[in-house]
N, C-alpha and C. Protein backbone atom coordinates (compact mmCIF):
# COMPACT_ATOMS: atom_id res chain seq x y z
N MET A 1 96.14 133.82 96.78
CA MET A 1 95.19 132.98 97.12
C MET A 1 94.42 133.39 95.81
N PRO A 2 93.63 132.43 94.93
CA PRO A 2 92.94 132.63 93.72
C PRO A 2 91.49 133.19 94.62
N LYS A 3 90.99 134.18 93.64
CA LYS A 3 89.52 134.35 93.91
C LYS A 3 88.47 133.35 94.06
N ILE A 4 87.74 133.30 95.30
CA ILE A 4 86.64 132.23 95.32
C ILE A 4 85.28 132.88 95.73
N ASP A 5 84.24 132.08 95.05
CA ASP A 5 82.97 132.68 95.32
C ASP A 5 82.44 132.60 96.27
N GLU A 6 81.33 133.08 96.62
CA GLU A 6 80.51 132.91 98.03
C GLU A 6 80.40 131.65 98.65
N TYR A 7 80.26 130.58 97.76
CA TYR A 7 79.82 129.39 98.15
C TYR A 7 81.18 128.76 99.01
N GLU A 8 82.24 128.84 98.00
CA GLU A 8 83.70 128.43 98.52
C GLU A 8 83.80 129.29 99.83
N VAL A 9 83.67 130.49 99.91
CA VAL A 9 83.95 130.96 101.20
C VAL A 9 83.07 130.59 102.39
N GLU A 10 81.64 129.93 102.26
CA GLU A 10 80.92 129.53 103.17
C GLU A 10 81.68 128.28 103.72
N VAL A 11 82.15 127.53 102.61
CA VAL A 11 82.60 126.35 103.05
C VAL A 11 83.90 126.38 103.63
N LEU A 12 84.69 127.25 103.32
CA LEU A 12 85.93 127.35 103.78
C LEU A 12 85.78 127.88 105.15
N ASN A 13 84.88 128.74 105.54
CA ASN A 13 84.49 128.96 106.98
C ASN A 13 84.20 127.88 107.75
N ALA A 14 83.19 127.10 107.34
CA ALA A 14 82.53 125.76 108.09
C ALA A 14 83.61 125.07 108.19
N PHE A 15 84.94 124.84 107.29
CA PHE A 15 86.00 124.06 107.64
C PHE A 15 86.83 124.53 108.71
N GLU A 16 86.85 125.94 108.87
CA GLU A 16 87.71 126.35 109.54
C GLU A 16 87.14 126.38 111.24
N LYS A 17 85.96 126.29 111.11
CA LYS A 17 85.35 126.23 112.42
C LYS A 17 85.16 124.84 113.01
N GLY A 18 85.55 123.75 112.15
CA GLY A 18 85.33 122.73 112.53
C GLY A 18 83.84 122.23 112.32
N GLN A 19 83.14 122.63 111.17
CA GLN A 19 81.67 122.40 111.32
C GLN A 19 81.27 121.01 110.24
N LEU A 20 82.38 120.77 109.89
CA LEU A 20 82.53 119.57 108.64
C LEU A 20 83.02 118.36 109.08
N THR A 21 82.07 117.28 108.60
CA THR A 21 82.47 115.87 109.02
C THR A 21 82.65 115.18 107.90
N SER A 22 83.48 113.96 108.06
CA SER A 22 83.72 113.53 106.77
C SER A 22 82.65 112.30 106.56
N VAL A 23 82.64 112.01 105.47
CA VAL A 23 81.37 111.19 104.89
C VAL A 23 82.04 109.63 104.48
N ALA A 24 83.44 109.62 104.39
CA ALA A 24 84.12 108.74 103.73
C ALA A 24 84.00 107.52 105.06
N THR A 25 84.11 106.48 104.46
CA THR A 25 84.10 104.83 105.13
C THR A 25 85.38 104.93 105.81
N LYS A 26 85.56 103.93 106.69
CA LYS A 26 87.05 103.82 107.45
C LYS A 26 87.86 103.20 106.21
N ALA A 27 87.28 101.95 105.47
CA ALA A 27 87.98 101.45 104.41
C ALA A 27 88.40 102.54 103.36
N GLU A 28 87.45 103.51 103.08
CA GLU A 28 88.14 104.72 102.10
C GLU A 28 89.08 105.30 102.55
N LEU A 29 88.76 105.72 103.84
CA LEU A 29 89.97 106.57 104.66
C LEU A 29 91.37 105.84 104.49
N ALA A 30 91.30 104.48 104.63
CA ALA A 30 92.67 103.52 104.71
C ALA A 30 93.03 103.59 103.27
N ARG A 31 91.98 103.58 102.39
CA ARG A 31 92.76 103.72 101.18
C ARG A 31 93.30 104.94 100.74
N PHE A 32 92.56 105.90 101.03
CA PHE A 32 93.03 107.36 100.85
C PHE A 32 94.35 107.67 101.15
N LYS A 33 94.57 107.13 102.57
CA LYS A 33 95.82 107.48 103.13
C LYS A 33 96.99 106.54 102.59
N ALA A 34 96.69 105.22 102.09
CA ALA A 34 97.91 104.34 101.67
C ALA A 34 98.17 104.92 100.37
N ALA A 35 97.17 105.63 99.51
CA ALA A 35 97.42 106.24 98.31
C ALA A 35 98.44 107.82 98.71
N ALA A 36 97.97 108.08 99.28
CA ALA A 36 98.89 109.22 99.47
C ALA A 36 100.17 109.04 99.97
N ARG A 37 100.40 108.12 101.01
CA ARG A 37 101.69 107.29 101.36
C ARG A 37 102.61 106.97 100.24
N ALA A 38 101.77 106.22 99.38
CA ALA A 38 102.53 105.56 98.00
C ALA A 38 102.93 106.82 97.30
N THR A 39 102.30 108.10 97.16
CA THR A 39 102.84 108.91 96.17
C THR A 39 103.63 109.93 96.86
N VAL A 40 104.02 109.83 98.26
CA VAL A 40 104.97 110.78 98.69
C VAL A 40 106.35 109.88 98.75
N ILE A 41 106.12 108.15 98.73
CA ILE A 41 107.26 107.87 99.13
C ILE A 41 107.86 107.59 97.58
N LYS A 42 109.23 107.91 97.72
CA LYS A 42 110.07 107.47 96.42
C LYS A 42 110.50 106.15 96.07
N GLY A 43 110.10 105.72 94.87
CA GLY A 43 110.42 104.49 94.58
C GLY A 43 112.04 104.02 94.25
N ARG A 44 112.53 102.89 94.01
CA ARG A 44 113.59 102.62 93.87
C ARG A 44 113.80 102.86 92.37
N ARG A 45 115.08 103.04 92.03
CA ARG A 45 115.54 103.23 90.54
C ARG A 45 115.66 101.74 89.76
N VAL A 46 115.08 101.95 88.43
CA VAL A 46 114.99 100.72 87.71
C VAL A 46 115.66 100.90 86.30
N ASN A 47 116.76 100.39 85.86
CA ASN A 47 117.20 100.90 84.40
C ASN A 47 116.56 99.84 83.70
N ILE A 48 115.93 100.26 82.40
CA ILE A 48 115.44 99.29 81.57
C ILE A 48 115.95 99.59 80.25
N ARG A 49 115.97 98.92 78.92
CA ARG A 49 116.37 98.95 77.78
C ARG A 49 115.18 98.75 76.85
N LEU A 50 115.05 99.85 76.23
CA LEU A 50 113.87 100.13 75.53
C LEU A 50 114.31 100.34 73.82
N SER A 51 113.65 100.11 73.03
CA SER A 51 114.30 100.30 71.39
C SER A 51 114.26 101.85 71.32
N SER A 52 114.94 102.47 70.35
CA SER A 52 114.79 103.75 70.12
C SER A 52 113.38 104.09 69.61
N GLY A 53 112.88 103.57 68.96
CA GLY A 53 111.42 103.70 68.25
C GLY A 53 110.48 104.09 69.57
N ASP A 54 110.65 102.90 70.60
CA ASP A 54 109.49 103.07 71.49
C ASP A 54 109.92 104.17 72.51
N LEU A 55 110.83 104.17 72.66
CA LEU A 55 111.69 105.45 73.64
C LEU A 55 110.99 106.93 73.07
N ASN A 56 111.19 106.75 71.94
CA ASN A 56 110.99 108.28 70.90
C ASN A 56 109.18 108.09 71.15
N ASP A 57 108.38 107.11 70.78
CA ASP A 57 107.05 106.93 70.88
C ASP A 57 106.46 107.64 72.44
N VAL A 58 107.27 107.12 73.35
CA VAL A 58 106.85 107.30 74.61
C VAL A 58 107.18 108.90 75.41
N GLN A 59 108.20 109.31 74.50
CA GLN A 59 108.49 110.94 74.85
C GLN A 59 107.38 111.66 74.06
N VAL A 60 107.13 111.42 73.07
CA VAL A 60 106.07 112.02 72.30
C VAL A 60 104.77 112.00 72.92
N LYS A 61 104.36 111.07 73.49
CA LYS A 61 103.22 110.79 73.98
C LYS A 61 103.34 111.55 75.38
N ALA A 62 104.46 111.50 76.20
CA ALA A 62 104.79 112.37 77.45
C ALA A 62 104.41 113.85 77.28
N LEU A 63 105.03 114.30 76.07
CA LEU A 63 104.85 115.64 75.80
C LEU A 63 103.35 116.19 75.40
N GLU A 64 102.70 115.04 74.80
CA GLU A 64 101.11 115.45 74.58
C GLU A 64 100.62 115.29 75.70
N GLU A 65 100.88 114.58 77.12
CA GLU A 65 100.42 114.62 78.09
C GLU A 65 100.77 115.70 79.09
N GLY A 66 101.63 116.35 78.76
CA GLY A 66 102.23 117.61 79.59
C GLY A 66 103.14 116.66 80.59
N MET A 67 103.75 115.61 80.54
CA MET A 67 104.71 115.06 81.75
C MET A 67 105.90 114.53 81.55
N PRO A 68 106.71 114.46 82.28
CA PRO A 68 108.26 113.62 81.94
C PRO A 68 107.82 112.19 81.48
N TYR A 69 108.58 111.90 80.68
CA TYR A 69 108.40 110.54 80.01
C TYR A 69 108.56 109.45 81.00
N GLN A 70 109.77 109.73 82.01
CA GLN A 70 109.82 108.68 83.13
C GLN A 70 108.60 108.48 83.92
N THR A 71 107.80 109.91 83.86
CA THR A 71 106.82 109.54 85.02
C THR A 71 105.42 108.88 84.10
N LEU A 72 105.71 109.12 82.96
CA LEU A 72 104.55 108.28 82.21
C LEU A 72 104.73 106.76 82.15
N ILE A 73 105.97 106.50 81.89
CA ILE A 73 106.48 104.82 81.94
C ILE A 73 105.83 104.61 83.40
N ALA A 74 106.26 105.36 84.42
CA ALA A 74 105.98 104.60 85.89
C ALA A 74 104.24 104.44 86.11
N SER A 75 103.78 105.44 85.64
CA SER A 75 102.40 105.50 85.32
C SER A 75 101.66 104.40 84.71
N VAL A 76 102.04 103.89 83.74
CA VAL A 76 101.50 102.88 82.83
C VAL A 76 101.87 101.68 83.23
N LEU A 77 103.25 101.48 84.03
CA LEU A 77 103.40 100.14 84.90
C LEU A 77 102.74 99.92 85.94
N HIS A 78 102.52 100.98 86.80
CA HIS A 78 101.45 100.73 88.08
C HIS A 78 100.29 100.79 87.82
N ARG A 79 99.76 101.18 86.41
CA ARG A 79 98.31 101.06 86.14
C ARG A 79 98.17 99.27 85.62
N TYR A 80 99.05 99.20 84.90
CA TYR A 80 99.04 97.64 84.68
C TYR A 80 99.26 96.52 85.67
N VAL A 81 100.08 96.70 86.69
CA VAL A 81 100.08 95.88 87.58
C VAL A 81 99.10 96.05 88.84
N THR A 82 98.35 97.16 88.63
CA THR A 82 97.24 97.05 89.73
C THR A 82 96.05 96.95 88.85
N GLY A 83 96.00 96.35 87.73
CA GLY A 83 94.93 95.72 86.92
C GLY A 83 93.92 96.79 86.18
N ARG A 84 94.48 98.35 86.12
CA ARG A 84 93.69 99.32 85.80
C ARG A 84 94.00 99.48 84.31
N LEU A 85 94.92 98.61 83.76
CA LEU A 85 95.47 99.02 82.33
C LEU A 85 95.36 97.34 81.86
N THR A 86 94.74 97.22 80.92
CA THR A 86 94.60 95.73 80.23
C THR A 86 94.74 95.79 78.86
N GLU A 87 95.17 94.84 78.03
CA GLU A 87 95.37 94.68 76.76
C GLU A 87 94.05 94.61 76.18
N GLN A 88 94.29 95.50 74.81
CA GLN A 88 92.97 95.60 73.90
C GLN A 88 93.24 94.72 73.11
N SER A 89 92.17 93.96 72.54
CA SER A 89 92.12 92.83 71.52
C SER A 89 92.87 93.07 70.75
N GLU A 90 92.76 94.23 69.81
CA GLU A 90 93.63 94.60 68.63
C GLU A 90 94.54 95.85 68.98
N PRO A 91 95.62 95.92 68.78
CA PRO A 91 96.50 96.97 69.17
C PRO A 91 95.96 98.21 68.38
N CYS A 92 96.17 99.22 69.12
CA CYS A 92 95.91 100.59 68.55
C CYS A 92 96.82 101.47 68.20
N ARG A 93 97.53 101.67 67.10
CA ARG A 93 98.59 102.19 66.96
C ARG A 93 98.37 103.04 65.71
N GLN A 94 99.16 104.42 66.41
CA GLN A 94 98.84 105.61 65.37
C GLN A 94 99.64 105.82 64.30
N GLY A 95 99.72 106.45 63.16
CA GLY A 95 100.51 106.61 62.27
C GLY A 95 99.90 106.38 60.67
N PRO A 96 100.92 106.45 59.87
CA PRO A 96 100.39 106.27 58.66
C PRO A 96 99.62 104.69 58.12
N SER A 97 98.79 104.82 57.39
CA SER A 97 97.97 103.65 56.82
C SER A 97 98.55 102.93 55.71
């Protein structure tokens, strides 16, 4: 276990003694539980065709983000379908001008 400071020891002791209470609402707890369940549940397998250039760009971006490219693709798709990823008015492409 990494070293923890005095405050963290105090919080840990309070937690272990059952002295802490949640400040989350029932709706927030339900949302957190649903997110945890969705994280644990493995999804179904999907095969898609991508151009070589797009796949290469995704692999480079995933490497920059420090994650497998399949995880990046799944994350981008999830954010899009949940409305947390939207189109920009002008595409933002990197590369030579």
